[in-house]
Amino acid sequence: MTRYILKRLVSSIVVLLIIVTVALWITRMAPSNPCLKEREANTCACVKENMLDRPVFPVYTSVPLDPVDSCQFWEPESQVSIGPVNILTSEWGETQYFNYVGHLIRFDLGQSMKTDRSVGETISAALPYTIQLGLQALILAILIGVPAGLYAGLRQNTPADYTTMTVAMVGVSIPNFVLGPLLIMFFALDLGWFRPNGWDSWQDSVLPSITLGLFYAAYIARLTRGGMLEIIRKDFIRTARAKGLSEKTVVLGHSLRGAILPVVSFLGPAFARLLTGSVVVEEIFNLPGVGKEFVRSALNRDYNMVLGTVILYSTLLITMNMVVDILYTVIDPRVDYE
């Protein structure tokens, strides 16, 4: 197991490095100068700090910055023009990519290009709201999805099964940007039970959690039903019933452990998707989470903030996938990665 974990850690670092490379390249391909501010002195300092006047890689197809009269931008040592494209060459240490990766190794996500706060400070302030929202939505999905899937699986091809799976299909089909406004209209505006936006107490997280979690509750119900239908026909279940064990013991003590294996494999990526999927929900309910910061930074062209959130979400997804693979060996002793 230790060898497998080390291999996964190495491969995860490689995958994360590829994501950083692609994300940095895409953000830097956008034309104009993201550092343009009211005062030219601040613009110049921002350009120099982030090395935006330098190539992204040692050989780079340039996208010129908007000119700033008082700024002295870096001049390439060599430049070759091929039609409308300029190919710049630079030393390895004079590129944006290796400058950014060097700071990233020191766990420094850089300074926001639009505010006076660092990317790390902004994410640290917003991350607790996003994690709480994701955990509440995940707990809600499990509490609804697993019992519903068990109920349907134990009553296969009955009206109860058809009704449960129909409701689950509806839950999967309704996007959260439709469900969220509907919940606001009914529970906040009509009934007045909750506030339509903001986050001042735990009550303000109820509607966002329902909006985010119902899709996953429906999906978990379908996975649990499928797992139950597969495990309930196994020989050891027939043996348990032949011994005279109660149906409750057979279901909870023997069937459930095997039936939830598909759910366990889904929970890791699901939690990461809950956090990344909260971008839309946080905008709908005006919550101060990472998703809202990501949307604002994308609209404001705050490259460092965009990269910071992409790295955060990617790290969460990679980590949760690895945790699920390890938990699989604990739940099912037949699984061995050695």
C-alpha atoms as a PDB file:
ATOM      1  CA  MET A   1       0.000   0.000   0.000  1.00  0.00           C
ATOM      2  CA  THR A   2       2.844   2.395   0.821  1.00  0.00           C
ATOM      3  CA  ARG A   3       4.345   1.853  -2.612  1.00  0.00           C
ATOM      4  CA  TYR A   4       0.994   2.523  -4.247  1.00  0.00           C
ATOM      5  CA  ILE A   5       0.498   5.746  -2.262  1.00  0.00           C
ATOM      6  CA  LEU A   6       3.964   7.002  -3.262  1.00  0.00           C
ATOM      7  CA  LYS A   7       3.237   6.248  -6.917  1.00  0.00           C
ATOM      8  CA  ARG A   8      -0.054   8.130  -6.702  1.00  0.00           C
ATOM      9  CA  LEU A   9       1.634  11.102  -5.047  1.00  0.00           C
ATOM     10  CA  VAL A  10       4.225  11.325  -7.824  1.00  0.00           C
ATOM     11  CA  SER A  11       1.617  10.994 -10.567  1.00  0.00           C
ATOM     12  CA  SER A  12      -0.577  13.584  -8.816  1.00  0.00           C
ATOM     13  CA  ILE A  13       2.262  16.096  -8.771  1.00  0.00           C
ATOM     14  CA  VAL A  14       2.848  15.523 -12.491  1.00  0.00           C
ATOM     15  CA  VAL A  15      -0.856  15.994 -13.272  1.00  0.00           C
ATOM     16  CA  LEU A  16      -1.007  19.156 -11.169  1.00  0.00           C
ATOM     17  CA  LEU A  17       2.067  20.548 -12.954  1.00  0.00           C
ATOM     18  CA  ILE A  18       0.411  19.940 -16.327  1.00  0.00           C
ATOM     19  CA  ILE A  19      -2.734  21.732 -15.124  1.00  0.00           C
ATOM     20  CA  VAL A  20      -0.676  24.708 -13.919  1.00  0.00           C
ATOM     21  CA  THR A  21       1.153  24.860 -17.251  1.00  0.00           C
ATOM     22  CA  VAL A  22      -2.020  24.805 -19.333  1.00  0.00           C
ATOM     23  CA  ALA A  23      -3.870  27.256 -17.071  1.00  0.00           C
ATOM     24  CA  LEU A  24      -0.962  29.716 -17.072  1.00  0.00           C
ATOM     25  CA  TRP A  25      -0.695  29.516 -20.840  1.00  0.00           C
ATOM     26  CA  ILE A  26      -4.431  30.112 -21.364  1.00  0.00           C
ATOM     27  CA  THR A  27      -4.613  33.103 -19.029  1.00  0.00           C
ATOM     28  CA  ARG A  28      -1.536  34.720 -20.548  1.00  0.00           C
ATOM     29  CA  MET A  29      -2.913  34.317 -24.072  1.00  0.00           C
ATOM     30  CA  ALA A  30      -5.607  36.925 -23.348  1.00  0.00           C
ATOM     31  CA  PRO A  31      -4.706  40.233 -25.047  1.00  0.00           C
ATOM     32  CA  SER A  32      -4.241  43.644 -23.361  1.00  0.00           C
ATOM     33  CA  ASN A  33      -2.748  44.428 -19.961  1.00  0.00           C
ATOM     34  CA  PRO A  34      -4.562  43.019 -16.875  1.00  0.00           C
ATOM     35  CA  CYS A  35      -2.541  45.316 -14.604  1.00  0.00           C
ATOM     36  CA  LEU A  36      -3.990  48.564 -15.974  1.00  0.00           C
ATOM     37  CA  LYS A  37      -5.055  50.718 -13.031  1.00  0.00           C
ATOM     38  CA  GLU A  38      -5.850  54.340 -12.357  1.00  0.00           C
ATOM     39  CA  ARG A  39      -2.261  55.136 -11.393  1.00  0.00           C
ATOM     40  CA  GLU A  40       0.461  54.225 -13.876  1.00  0.00           C
ATOM     41  CA  ALA A  41       2.976  53.625 -11.071  1.00  0.00           C
ATOM     42  CA  ASN A  42       0.824  50.784  -9.721  1.00  0.00           C
ATOM     43  CA  THR A  43       0.441  49.377 -13.226  1.00  0.00           C
ATOM     44  CA  CYS A  44       4.195  49.324 -13.777  1.00  0.00           C
ATOM     45  CA  ALA A  45       4.820  47.639 -10.407  1.00  0.00           C
ATOM     46  CA  CYS A  46       2.177  44.994 -11.164  1.00  0.00           C
ATOM     47  CA  VAL A  47       3.689  44.246 -14.588  1.00  0.00           C
ATOM     48  CA  LYS A  48       7.208  43.949 -13.167  1.00  0.00           C
ATOM     49  CA  GLU A  49       6.125  41.827 -10.177  1.00  0.00           C
ATOM     50  CA  ASN A  50       4.290  39.310 -12.361  1.00  0.00           C
ATOM     51  CA  MET A  51       6.819  39.531 -15.218  1.00  0.00           C
ATOM     52  CA  LEU A  52       3.988  40.112 -17.691  1.00  0.00           C
ATOM     53  CA  ASP A  53       6.345  41.890 -20.077  1.00  0.00           C
ATOM     54  CA  ARG A  54       8.416  38.707 -20.390  1.00  0.00           C
ATOM     55  CA  PRO A  55       7.789  35.502 -22.330  1.00  0.00           C
ATOM     56  CA  VAL A  56       5.680  32.811 -20.676  1.00  0.00           C
ATOM     57  CA  PHE A  57       8.161  30.122 -21.797  1.00  0.00           C
ATOM     58  CA  PRO A  58      11.733  30.394 -23.135  1.00  0.00           C
ATOM     59  CA  VAL A  59      10.218  30.374 -26.635  1.00  0.00           C
ATOM     60  CA  TYR A  60       6.901  32.172 -26.688  1.00  0.00           C
ATOM     61  CA  THR A  61       4.399  33.507 -29.203  1.00  0.00           C
ATOM     62  CA  SER A  62       3.985  37.000 -27.853  1.00  0.00           C
ATOM     63  CA  VAL A  63       0.777  38.820 -27.030  1.00  0.00           C
ATOM     64  CA  PRO A  64       1.777  42.487 -26.643  1.00  0.00           C
ATOM     65  CA  LEU A  65       0.716  44.377 -23.538  1.00  0.00           C
ATOM     66  CA  ASP A  66      -1.183  47.612 -23.786  1.00  0.00           C
ATOM     67  CA  PRO A  67       1.443  50.384 -23.764  1.00  0.00           C
ATOM     68  CA  VAL A  68       2.009  52.445 -20.634  1.00  0.00           C
ATOM     69  CA  ASP A  69       3.975  55.644 -21.233  1.00  0.00           C
ATOM     70  CA  SER A  70       5.961  55.708 -18.006  1.00  0.00           C
ATOM     71  CA  CYS A  71       6.818  51.976 -17.972  1.00  0.00           C
ATOM     72  CA  GLN A  72      10.034  50.543 -19.317  1.00  0.00           C
ATOM     73  CA  PHE A  73       9.116  47.067 -20.457  1.00  0.00           C
ATOM     74  CA  TRP A  74      11.603  44.231 -20.871  1.00  0.00           C
ATOM     75  CA  GLU A  75      13.279  43.976 -24.258  1.00  0.00           C
ATOM     76  CA  PRO A  76      13.865  40.456 -25.666  1.00  0.00           C
ATOM     77  CA  GLU A  77      17.400  39.403 -26.479  1.00  0.00           C
ATOM     78  CA  SER A  78      16.202  38.123 -29.838  1.00  0.00           C
ATOM     79  CA  GLN A  79      12.986  38.312 -31.770  1.00  0.00           C
ATOM     80  CA  VAL A  80      11.977  36.640 -35.006  1.00  0.00           C
ATOM     81  CA  SER A  81       8.938  37.834 -36.953  1.00  0.00           C
ATOM     82  CA  ILE A  82       7.004  35.217 -38.896  1.00  0.00           C
ATOM     83  CA  GLY A  83       4.149  37.117 -40.511  1.00  0.00           C
ATOM     84  CA  PRO A  84       1.992  38.600 -37.729  1.00  0.00           C
ATOM     85  CA  VAL A  85       3.592  36.329 -35.100  1.00  0.00           C
ATOM     86  CA  ASN A  86       6.610  37.341 -33.004  1.00  0.00           C
ATOM     87  CA  ILE A  87       8.741  34.533 -31.544  1.00  0.00           C
ATOM     88  CA  LEU A  88      10.638  35.731 -28.464  1.00  0.00           C
ATOM     89  CA  THR A  89      13.466  33.878 -26.786  1.00  0.00           C
ATOM     90  CA  SER A  90      14.546  34.279 -23.196  1.00  0.00           C
ATOM     91  CA  GLU A  91      16.642  32.678 -20.481  1.00  0.00           C
ATOM     92  CA  TRP A  92      14.851  30.106 -18.313  1.00  0.00           C
ATOM     93  CA  GLY A  93      14.927  32.317 -15.241  1.00  0.00           C
ATOM     94  CA  GLU A  94      13.431  35.270 -17.120  1.00  0.00           C
ATOM     95  CA  THR A  95      10.122  33.615 -17.984  1.00  0.00           C
ATOM     96  CA  GLN A  96       6.724  33.967 -16.355  1.00  0.00           C
ATOM     97  CA  TYR A  97       6.287  30.203 -16.081  1.00  0.00           C
ATOM     98  CA  PHE A  98       9.382  29.418 -14.034  1.00  0.00           C
ATOM     99  CA  ASN A  99       8.885  32.544 -11.951  1.00  0.00           C
ATOM    100  CA  TYR A 100       5.346  31.398 -11.073  1.00  0.00           C
ATOM    101  CA  VAL A 101       6.320  27.763 -10.439  1.00  0.00           C
ATOM    102  CA  GLY A 102       9.181  28.941  -8.223  1.00  0.00           C
ATOM    103  CA  HIS A 103       6.731  30.879  -6.052  1.00  0.00           C
ATOM    104  CA  LEU A 104       4.269  27.967  -6.136  1.00  0.00           C
ATOM    105  CA  ILE A 105       6.893  25.580  -4.727  1.00  0.00           C
ATOM    106  CA  ARG A 106       7.128  27.956  -1.761  1.00  0.00           C
ATOM    107  CA  PHE A 107       3.300  27.827  -1.429  1.00  0.00           C
ATOM    108  CA  ASP A 108       3.044  31.414  -2.650  1.00  0.00           C
ATOM    109  CA  LEU A 109       0.119  31.978  -5.036  1.00  0.00           C
ATOM    110  CA  GLY A 110       1.141  35.554  -5.682  1.00  0.00           C
ATOM    111  CA  GLN A 111      -0.552  38.908  -5.279  1.00  0.00           C
ATOM    112  CA  SER A 112      -3.958  39.772  -6.669  1.00  0.00           C
ATOM    113  CA  MET A 113      -3.685  42.037  -9.708  1.00  0.00           C
ATOM    114  CA  LYS A 114      -6.826  43.976  -8.768  1.00  0.00           C
ATOM    115  CA  THR A 115      -6.761  44.218  -4.965  1.00  0.00           C
ATOM    116  CA  ASP A 116      -4.212  44.830  -2.217  1.00  0.00           C
ATOM    117  CA  ARG A 117      -4.641  41.305  -0.811  1.00  0.00           C
ATOM    118  CA  SER A 118      -2.660  38.225  -1.736  1.00  0.00           C
ATOM    119  CA  VAL A 119      -4.349  35.299  -3.460  1.00  0.00           C
ATOM    120  CA  GLY A 120      -3.685  33.112  -0.418  1.00  0.00           C
ATOM    121  CA  GLU A 121      -5.389  35.577   1.932  1.00  0.00           C
ATOM    122  CA  THR A 122      -8.432  35.871  -0.324  1.00  0.00           C
ATOM    123  CA  ILE A 123      -8.818  32.103  -0.683  1.00  0.00           C
ATOM    124  CA  SER A 124      -8.259  31.521   3.054  1.00  0.00           C
ATOM    125  CA  ALA A 125     -11.062  33.945   3.888  1.00  0.00           C
ATOM    126  CA  ALA A 126     -13.506  32.447   1.368  1.00  0.00           C
ATOM    127  CA  LEU A 127     -12.629  28.738   1.614  1.00  0.00           C
ATOM    128  CA  PRO A 128     -14.426  27.993   4.947  1.00  0.00           C
ATOM    129  CA  TYR A 129     -17.763  29.058   3.425  1.00  0.00           C
ATOM    130  CA  THR A 130     -17.233  26.868   0.350  1.00  0.00           C
ATOM    131  CA  ILE A 131     -16.148  23.835   2.422  1.00  0.00           C
ATOM    132  CA  GLN A 132     -19.087  24.191   4.814  1.00  0.00           C
ATOM    133  CA  LEU A 133     -21.498  24.481   1.903  1.00  0.00           C
ATOM    134  CA  GLY A 134     -19.955  21.447   0.180  1.00  0.00           C
ATOM    135  CA  LEU A 135     -20.014  19.316   3.351  1.00  0.00           C
ATOM    136  CA  GLN A 136     -23.629  20.201   4.118  1.00  0.00           C
ATOM    137  CA  ALA A 137     -24.657  19.396   0.546  1.00  0.00           C
ATOM    138  CA  LEU A 138     -22.740  16.086   0.658  1.00  0.00           C
ATOM    139  CA  ILE A 139     -24.291  15.057   3.985  1.00  0.00           C
ATOM    140  CA  LEU A 140     -27.730  15.949   2.650  1.00  0.00           C
ATOM    141  CA  ALA A 141     -27.087  13.905  -0.502  1.00  0.00           C
ATOM    142  CA  ILE A 142     -26.006  10.854   1.515  1.00  0.00           C
ATOM    143  CA  LEU A 143     -28.883  11.083   4.012  1.00  0.00           C
ATOM    144  CA  ILE A 144     -31.418  11.244   1.188  1.00  0.00           C
ATOM    145  CA  GLY A 145     -29.728   9.173  -1.517  1.00  0.00           C
ATOM    146  CA  VAL A 146     -28.604   6.048   0.373  1.00  0.00           C
ATOM    147  CA  PRO A 147     -31.957   5.269   2.113  1.00  0.00           C
ATOM    148  CA  ALA A 148     -33.854   6.035  -1.106  1.00  0.00           C
ATOM    149  CA  GLY A 149     -31.597   3.712  -3.098  1.00  0.00           C
ATOM    150  CA  LEU A 150     -31.904   0.919  -0.525  1.00  0.00           C
ATOM    151  CA  TYR A 151     -35.677   1.321  -0.436  1.00  0.00           C
ATOM    152  CA  ALA A 152     -35.931   1.096  -4.225  1.00  0.00           C
ATOM    153  CA  GLY A 153     -33.433  -1.757  -4.517  1.00  0.00           C
ATOM    154  CA  LEU A 154     -35.291  -3.934  -2.003  1.00  0.00           C
ATOM    155  CA  ARG A 155     -38.549  -3.354  -3.893  1.00  0.00           C
ATOM    156  CA  GLN A 156     -37.394  -3.884  -7.448  1.00  0.00           C
ATOM    157  CA  ASN A 157     -40.035  -3.468 -10.176  1.00  0.00           C
ATOM    158  CA  THR A 158     -42.705  -2.326  -7.746  1.00  0.00           C
ATOM    159  CA  PRO A 159     -44.566   1.021  -7.740  1.00  0.00           C
ATOM    160  CA  ALA A 160     -42.316   2.154  -4.871  1.00  0.00           C
ATOM    161  CA  ASP A 161     -39.224   1.436  -6.987  1.00  0.00           C
ATOM    162  CA  TYR A 162     -40.631   3.237 -10.039  1.00  0.00           C
ATOM    163  CA  THR A 163     -41.707   6.263  -8.000  1.00  0.00           C
ATOM    164  CA  THR A 164     -38.357   6.613  -6.218  1.00  0.00           C
ATOM    165  CA  MET A 165     -36.350   6.331  -9.426  1.00  0.00           C
ATOM    166  CA  THR A 166     -38.656   8.775 -11.226  1.00  0.00           C
ATOM    167  CA  VAL A 167     -38.077  11.347  -8.504  1.00  0.00           C
ATOM    168  CA  ALA A 168     -34.326  10.643  -8.721  1.00  0.00           C
ATOM    169  CA  MET A 169     -34.392  11.150 -12.490  1.00  0.00           C
ATOM    170  CA  VAL A 170     -36.150  14.494 -12.031  1.00  0.00           C
ATOM    171  CA  GLY A 171     -33.520  15.486  -9.461  1.00  0.00           C
ATOM    172  CA  VAL A 172     -30.703  14.644 -11.850  1.00  0.00           C
ATOM    173  CA  SER A 173     -32.367  16.552 -14.689  1.00  0.00           C
ATOM    174  CA  ILE A 174     -32.973  19.900 -12.944  1.00  0.00           C
ATOM    175  CA  PRO A 175     -29.844  22.119 -13.047  1.00  0.00           C
ATOM    176  CA  ASN A 176     -28.964  24.092  -9.927  1.00  0.00           C
ATOM    177  CA  PHE A 177     -29.272  27.442 -11.715  1.00  0.00           C
ATOM    178  CA  VAL A 178     -32.978  26.589 -12.181  1.00  0.00           C
ATOM    179  CA  LEU A 179     -33.568  24.982  -8.786  1.00  0.00           C
ATOM    180  CA  GLY A 180     -31.892  27.802  -6.829  1.00  0.00           C
ATOM    181  CA  PRO A 181     -34.162  30.640  -8.041  1.00  0.00           C
ATOM    182  CA  LEU A 182     -37.225  28.399  -7.577  1.00  0.00           C
ATOM    183  CA  LEU A 183     -36.288  27.743  -3.946  1.00  0.00           C
ATOM    184  CA  ILE A 184     -35.648  31.461  -3.392  1.00  0.00           C
ATOM    185  CA  MET A 185     -39.017  32.386  -4.904  1.00  0.00           C
ATOM    186  CA  PHE A 186     -40.982  29.862  -2.830  1.00  0.00           C
ATOM    187  CA  PHE A 187     -39.195  29.612   0.542  1.00  0.00           C
ATOM    188  CA  ALA A 188     -37.652  33.097   0.756  1.00  0.00           C
ATOM    189  CA  LEU A 189     -39.973  35.476  -1.097  1.00  0.00           C
ATOM    190  CA  ASP A 190     -43.352  33.737  -0.702  1.00  0.00           C
ATOM    191  CA  LEU A 191     -43.038  32.015   2.701  1.00  0.00           C
ATOM    192  CA  GLY A 192     -40.303  34.226   4.181  1.00  0.00           C
ATOM    193  CA  TRP A 193     -38.595  31.319   5.953  1.00  0.00           C
ATOM    194  CA  PHE A 194     -35.095  32.172   4.732  1.00  0.00           C
ATOM    195  CA  ARG A 195     -33.185  35.145   3.387  1.00  0.00           C
ATOM    196  CA  PRO A 196     -32.728  35.170  -0.404  1.00  0.00           C
ATOM    197  CA  ASN A 197     -29.002  35.973  -0.292  1.00  0.00           C
ATOM    198  CA  GLY A 198     -25.987  36.524   1.963  1.00  0.00           C
ATOM    199  CA  TRP A 199     -24.490  34.391   4.738  1.00  0.00           C
ATOM    200  CA  ASP A 200     -24.786  35.702   8.304  1.00  0.00           C
ATOM    201  CA  SER A 201     -25.921  32.494  10.058  1.00  0.00           C
ATOM    202  CA  TRP A 202     -26.311  28.781   9.373  1.00  0.00           C
ATOM    203  CA  GLN A 203     -29.918  29.312   8.272  1.00  0.00           C
ATOM    204  CA  ASP A 204     -28.603  31.223   5.260  1.00  0.00           C
ATOM    205  CA  SER A 205     -26.829  28.057   4.071  1.00  0.00           C
ATOM    206  CA  VAL A 206     -29.945  25.858   4.032  1.00  0.00           C
ATOM    207  CA  LEU A 207     -31.284  26.785   0.590  1.00  0.00           C
ATOM    208  CA  PRO A 208     -27.824  26.765  -1.070  1.00  0.00           C
ATOM    209  CA  SER A 209     -27.100  23.337   0.442  1.00  0.00           C
ATOM    210  CA  ILE A 210     -30.394  21.944  -0.874  1.00  0.00           C
ATOM    211  CA  THR A 211     -29.746  23.466  -4.295  1.00  0.00           C
ATOM    212  CA  LEU A 212     -26.277  21.972  -4.472  1.00  0.00           C
ATOM    213  CA  GLY A 213     -27.036  18.615  -2.859  1.00  0.00           C
ATOM    214  CA  LEU A 214     -30.262  17.415  -4.494  1.00  0.00           C
ATOM    215  CA  PHE A 215     -28.579  16.490  -7.777  1.00  0.00           C
ATOM    216  CA  TYR A 216     -26.041  14.328  -5.934  1.00  0.00           C
ATOM    217  CA  ALA A 217     -28.755  12.834  -3.709  1.00  0.00           C
ATOM    218  CA  ALA A 218     -30.554  11.621  -6.817  1.00  0.00           C
ATOM    219  CA  TYR A 219     -27.337  10.249  -8.308  1.00  0.00           C
ATOM    220  CA  ILE A 220     -26.393   8.461  -5.074  1.00  0.00           C
ATOM    221  CA  ALA A 221     -29.887   6.926  -4.931  1.00  0.00           C
ATOM    222  CA  ARG A 222     -29.425   5.437  -8.384  1.00  0.00           C
ATOM    223  CA  LEU A 223     -25.950   4.114  -7.524  1.00  0.00           C
ATOM    224  CA  THR A 224     -27.159   2.599  -4.238  1.00  0.00           C
ATOM    225  CA  ARG A 225     -30.085   0.898  -5.957  1.00  0.00           C
ATOM    226  CA  GLY A 226     -27.779  -0.618  -8.565  1.00  0.00           C
ATOM    227  CA  GLY A 227     -25.353  -1.820  -5.922  1.00  0.00           C
ATOM    228  CA  MET A 228     -28.151  -3.340  -3.861  1.00  0.00           C
ATOM    229  CA  LEU A 229     -29.626  -5.186  -6.847  1.00  0.00           C
ATOM    230  CA  GLU A 230     -26.211  -6.677  -7.562  1.00  0.00           C
ATOM    231  CA  ILE A 231     -25.341  -7.718  -3.996  1.00  0.00           C
ATOM    232  CA  ILE A 232     -28.782  -8.976  -2.944  1.00  0.00           C
ATOM    233  CA  ARG A 233     -28.499 -11.943  -5.344  1.00  0.00           C
ATOM    234  CA  LYS A 234     -25.132 -13.128  -4.022  1.00  0.00           C
ATOM    235  CA  ASP A 235     -24.804 -16.559  -2.438  1.00  0.00           C
ATOM    236  CA  PHE A 236     -23.736 -15.261   0.966  1.00  0.00           C
ATOM    237  CA  ILE A 237     -26.968 -13.227   1.196  1.00  0.00           C
ATOM    238  CA  ARG A 238     -28.997 -16.369   0.501  1.00  0.00           C
ATOM    239  CA  THR A 239     -26.966 -18.188   3.144  1.00  0.00           C
ATOM    240  CA  ALA A 240     -27.609 -15.424   5.706  1.00  0.00           C
ATOM    241  CA  ARG A 241     -31.335 -15.655   5.080  1.00  0.00           C
ATOM    242  CA  ALA A 242     -31.232 -19.467   5.213  1.00  0.00           C
ATOM    243  CA  LYS A 243     -29.705 -19.226   8.678  1.00  0.00           C
ATOM    244  CA  GLY A 244     -32.822 -17.385   9.832  1.00  0.00           C
ATOM    245  CA  LEU A 245     -31.312 -13.917  10.229  1.00  0.00           C
ATOM    246  CA  SER A 246     -33.774 -11.051  10.279  1.00  0.00           C
ATOM    247  CA  GLU A 247     -34.211  -8.958   7.136  1.00  0.00           C
ATOM    248  CA  LYS A 248     -32.802  -5.922   8.982  1.00  0.00           C
ATOM    249  CA  THR A 249     -29.607  -7.830   9.841  1.00  0.00           C
ATOM    250  CA  VAL A 250     -29.281  -9.145   6.284  1.00  0.00           C
ATOM    251  CA  VAL A 251     -29.680  -5.680   4.760  1.00  0.00           C
ATOM    252  CA  LEU A 252     -27.707  -3.543   7.220  1.00  0.00           C
ATOM    253  CA  GLY A 253     -25.149  -6.110   8.332  1.00  0.00           C
ATOM    254  CA  HIS A 254     -24.386  -7.912   5.083  1.00  0.00           C
ATOM    255  CA  SER A 255     -25.851  -6.214   1.999  1.00  0.00           C
ATOM    256  CA  LEU A 256     -25.195  -2.550   2.746  1.00  0.00           C
ATOM    257  CA  ARG A 257     -21.419  -2.829   2.891  1.00  0.00           C
ATOM    258  CA  GLY A 258     -21.212  -4.198  -0.626  1.00  0.00           C
ATOM    259  CA  ALA A 259     -24.046  -2.075  -1.989  1.00  0.00           C
ATOM    260  CA  ILE A 260     -22.396   1.238  -1.097  1.00  0.00           C
ATOM    261  CA  LEU A 261     -19.096   0.475  -2.847  1.00  0.00           C
ATOM    262  CA  PRO A 262     -20.199   2.355  -5.983  1.00  0.00           C
ATOM    263  CA  VAL A 263     -21.260   5.235  -3.753  1.00  0.00           C
ATOM    264  CA  VAL A 264     -17.872   5.332  -2.004  1.00  0.00           C
ATOM    265  CA  SER A 265     -16.043   5.495  -5.324  1.00  0.00           C
ATOM    266  CA  PHE A 266     -18.335   8.365  -6.302  1.00  0.00           C
ATOM    267  CA  LEU A 267     -18.025  10.377  -3.065  1.00  0.00           C
ATOM    268  CA  GLY A 268     -14.455  11.570  -3.603  1.00  0.00           C
ATOM    269  CA  PRO A 269     -14.991  13.146  -7.015  1.00  0.00           C
ATOM    270  CA  ALA A 270     -18.483  14.204  -5.884  1.00  0.00           C
ATOM    271  CA  PHE A 271     -17.105  16.249  -2.987  1.00  0.00           C
ATOM    272  CA  ALA A 272     -14.619  17.951  -5.296  1.00  0.00           C
ATOM    273  CA  ARG A 273     -17.417  18.617  -7.785  1.00  0.00           C
ATOM    274  CA  LEU A 274     -19.579  19.995  -4.995  1.00  0.00           C
ATOM    275  CA  LEU A 275     -16.871  22.537  -4.231  1.00  0.00           C
ATOM    276  CA  THR A 276     -16.302  23.441  -7.875  1.00  0.00           C
ATOM    277  CA  GLY A 277     -20.027  23.351  -8.633  1.00  0.00           C
ATOM    278  CA  SER A 278     -20.666  25.844  -5.871  1.00  0.00           C
ATOM    279  CA  VAL A 279     -19.490  28.573  -8.273  1.00  0.00           C
ATOM    280  CA  VAL A 280     -22.999  28.929  -9.725  1.00  0.00           C
ATOM    281  CA  VAL A 281     -24.765  28.455  -6.388  1.00  0.00           C
ATOM    282  CA  GLU A 282     -22.598  31.044  -4.646  1.00  0.00           C
ATOM    283  CA  GLU A 283     -23.421  33.542  -7.390  1.00  0.00           C
ATOM    284  CA  ILE A 284     -27.166  32.828  -7.153  1.00  0.00           C
ATOM    285  CA  PHE A 285     -27.267  33.237  -3.363  1.00  0.00           C
ATOM    286  CA  ASN A 286     -24.498  35.883  -3.196  1.00  0.00           C
ATOM    287  CA  LEU A 287     -22.332  33.807  -0.835  1.00  0.00           C
ATOM    288  CA  PRO A 288     -18.771  34.899   0.076  1.00  0.00           C
ATOM    289  CA  GLY A 289     -17.113  31.669  -1.087  1.00  0.00           C
ATOM    290  CA  VAL A 290     -14.265  30.744  -3.395  1.00  0.00           C
ATOM    291  CA  GLY A 291     -16.651  30.302  -6.325  1.00  0.00           C
ATOM    292  CA  LYS A 292     -17.739  33.927  -6.146  1.00  0.00           C
ATOM    293  CA  GLU A 293     -14.108  35.053  -5.981  1.00  0.00           C
ATOM    294  CA  PHE A 294     -13.366  32.894  -9.040  1.00  0.00           C
ATOM    295  CA  VAL A 295     -16.185  34.508 -11.039  1.00  0.00           C
ATOM    296  CA  ARG A 296     -15.122  37.999 -10.020  1.00  0.00           C
ATOM    297  CA  SER A 297     -11.473  37.342 -10.845  1.00  0.00           C
ATOM    298  CA  ALA A 298     -12.412  35.933 -14.267  1.00  0.00           C
ATOM    299  CA  LEU A 299     -14.525  38.997 -15.063  1.00  0.00           C
ATOM    300  CA  ASN A 300     -11.830  41.371 -13.747  1.00  0.00           C
ATOM    301  CA  ARG A 301      -9.045  39.427 -15.506  1.00  0.00           C
ATOM    302  CA  ASP A 302      -7.209  38.861 -12.244  1.00  0.00           C
ATOM    303  CA  TYR A 303      -4.880  36.153 -13.596  1.00  0.00           C
ATOM    304  CA  ASN A 304      -3.281  35.206 -10.288  1.00  0.00           C
ATOM    305  CA  MET A 305      -6.638  34.767  -8.566  1.00  0.00           C
ATOM    306  CA  VAL A 306      -7.937  32.623 -11.434  1.00  0.00           C
ATOM    307  CA  LEU A 307      -4.813  30.443 -11.303  1.00  0.00           C
ATOM    308  CA  GLY A 308      -5.042  30.153  -7.515  1.00  0.00           C
ATOM    309  CA  THR A 309      -8.615  28.863  -7.594  1.00  0.00           C
ATOM    310  CA  VAL A 310      -7.879  26.485 -10.490  1.00  0.00           C
ATOM    311  CA  ILE A 311      -4.934  25.035  -8.534  1.00  0.00           C
ATOM    312  CA  LEU A 312      -7.100  24.728  -5.399  1.00  0.00           C
ATOM    313  CA  TYR A 313      -9.921  22.920  -7.177  1.00  0.00           C
ATOM    314  CA  SER A 314      -7.509  20.651  -9.072  1.00  0.00           C
ATOM    315  CA  THR A 315      -5.672  19.710  -5.878  1.00  0.00           C
ATOM    316  CA  LEU A 316      -8.950  18.872  -4.144  1.00  0.00           C
ATOM    317  CA  LEU A 317     -10.107  16.682  -7.031  1.00  0.00           C
ATOM    318  CA  ILE A 318      -6.803  14.790  -7.258  1.00  0.00           C
ATOM    319  CA  THR A 319      -6.599  14.328  -3.474  1.00  0.00           C
ATOM    320  CA  MET A 320     -10.175  13.093  -3.090  1.00  0.00           C
ATOM    321  CA  ASN A 321      -9.716  10.560  -5.899  1.00  0.00           C
ATOM    322  CA  MET A 322      -6.645   9.170  -4.139  1.00  0.00           C
ATOM    323  CA  VAL A 323      -8.404   9.036  -0.753  1.00  0.00           C
ATOM    324  CA  VAL A 324     -11.307   7.104  -2.275  1.00  0.00           C
ATOM    325  CA  ASP A 325      -8.963   4.550  -3.850  1.00  0.00           C
ATOM    326  CA  ILE A 326      -7.332   3.973  -0.457  1.00  0.00           C
ATOM    327  CA  LEU A 327     -10.692   3.693   1.342  1.00  0.00           C
ATOM    328  CA  TYR A 328     -11.746   1.068  -1.181  1.00  0.00           C
ATOM    329  CA  THR A 329      -9.207  -1.354   0.287  1.00  0.00           C
ATOM    330  CA  VAL A 330     -10.613  -0.749   3.785  1.00  0.00           C
ATOM    331  CA  ILE A 331     -14.240  -1.365   2.773  1.00  0.00           C
ATOM    332  CA  ASP A 332     -13.556  -4.254   0.394  1.00  0.00           C
ATOM    333  CA  PRO A 333     -10.629  -6.513   1.490  1.00  0.00           C
ATOM    334  CA  ARG A 334     -10.636  -8.146  -1.953  1.00  0.00           C
ATOM    335  CA  VAL A 335      -9.161  -4.985  -3.467  1.00  0.00           C
ATOM    336  CA  ASP A 336      -5.363  -4.979  -3.377  1.00  0.00           C
ATOM    337  CA  TYR A 337      -3.188  -2.492  -5.296  1.00  0.00           C
ATOM    338  CA  GLU A 338       0.104  -4.277  -4.629  1.00  0.00           C
END
